Amino acid sequence: LTHEKHCIQISKHVINHGKIMHMEKKEDKWRKSRSVKGCG
């Protein structure tokens, strides 16, 4: 349960920063978040 909530927070974090940062930064964050088990 805690891990799932953490994954949701990561998703929101990536989406919010994706609107502000450049595409390269967004892709890099997506790559990191997807490497975490149970995310995406």
C-alpha atoms as a PDB file:
ATOM      1  CA  LEU A   1       0.000   0.000   0.000  1.00  0.00           C
ATOM      2  CA  THR A   2       2.759   2.440   0.968  1.00  0.00           C
ATOM      3  CA  HIS A   3       4.731   1.523  -2.142  1.00  0.00           C
ATOM      4  CA  GLU A   4       1.700   2.054  -4.377  1.00  0.00           C
ATOM      5  CA  LYS A   5       1.110   5.521  -2.903  1.00  0.00           C
ATOM      6  CA  HIS A   6       4.788   6.315  -3.495  1.00  0.00           C
ATOM      7  CA  CYS A   7       4.447   5.325  -7.162  1.00  0.00           C
ATOM      8  CA  ILE A   8       1.422   7.607  -7.538  1.00  0.00           C
ATOM      9  CA  GLN A   9       3.392  10.508  -6.049  1.00  0.00           C
ATOM     10  CA  ILE A  10       6.240   9.842  -8.494  1.00  0.00           C
ATOM     11  CA  SER A  11       3.807   9.860 -11.421  1.00  0.00           C
ATOM     12  CA  LYS A  12       2.353  13.217 -10.359  1.00  0.00           C
ATOM     13  CA  HIS A  13       5.856  14.587  -9.784  1.00  0.00           C
ATOM     14  CA  VAL A  14       6.980  13.570 -13.278  1.00  0.00           C
ATOM     15  CA  ILE A  15       3.846  15.007 -14.909  1.00  0.00           C
ATOM     16  CA  ASN A  16       4.108  18.328 -13.048  1.00  0.00           C
ATOM     17  CA  HIS A  17       7.799  18.766 -13.838  1.00  0.00           C
ATOM     18  CA  GLY A  18       7.262  17.619 -17.420  1.00  0.00           C
ATOM     19  CA  LYS A  19       5.202  20.767 -17.994  1.00  0.00           C
ATOM     20  CA  ILE A  20       8.033  22.974 -16.727  1.00  0.00           C
ATOM     21  CA  MET A  21      11.252  21.179 -17.694  1.00  0.00           C
ATOM     22  CA  HIS A  22      12.575  20.349 -21.146  1.00  0.00           C
ATOM     23  CA  MET A  23      11.637  17.083 -22.847  1.00  0.00           C
ATOM     24  CA  GLU A  24      15.092  15.623 -22.190  1.00  0.00           C
ATOM     25  CA  LYS A  25      14.665  16.136 -18.448  1.00  0.00           C
ATOM     26  CA  LYS A  26      11.163  14.659 -18.505  1.00  0.00           C
ATOM     27  CA  GLU A  27      12.332  11.560 -20.384  1.00  0.00           C
ATOM     28  CA  ASP A  28      15.170  11.108 -17.908  1.00  0.00           C
ATOM     29  CA  LYS A  29      12.780  11.247 -14.948  1.00  0.00           C
ATOM     30  CA  TRP A  30      10.396   8.809 -16.646  1.00  0.00           C
ATOM     31  CA  ARG A  31      13.305   6.408 -17.179  1.00  0.00           C
ATOM     32  CA  LYS A  32      14.221   6.590 -13.483  1.00  0.00           C
ATOM     33  CA  SER A  33      10.634   6.215 -12.236  1.00  0.00           C
ATOM     34  CA  ARG A  34       9.931   3.264 -14.545  1.00  0.00           C
ATOM     35  CA  SER A  35      13.020   1.480 -13.215  1.00  0.00           C
ATOM     36  CA  VAL A  36      11.290   1.336  -9.814  1.00  0.00           C
ATOM     37  CA  LYS A  37       9.403  -1.950  -9.437  1.00  0.00           C
ATOM     38  CA  GLY A  38       5.618  -1.619  -9.413  1.00  0.00           C
ATOM     39  CA  CYS A  39       5.628   1.715 -11.241  1.00  0.00           C
ATOM     40  CA  GLY A  40       4.237   2.124 -14.752  1.00  0.00           C
END
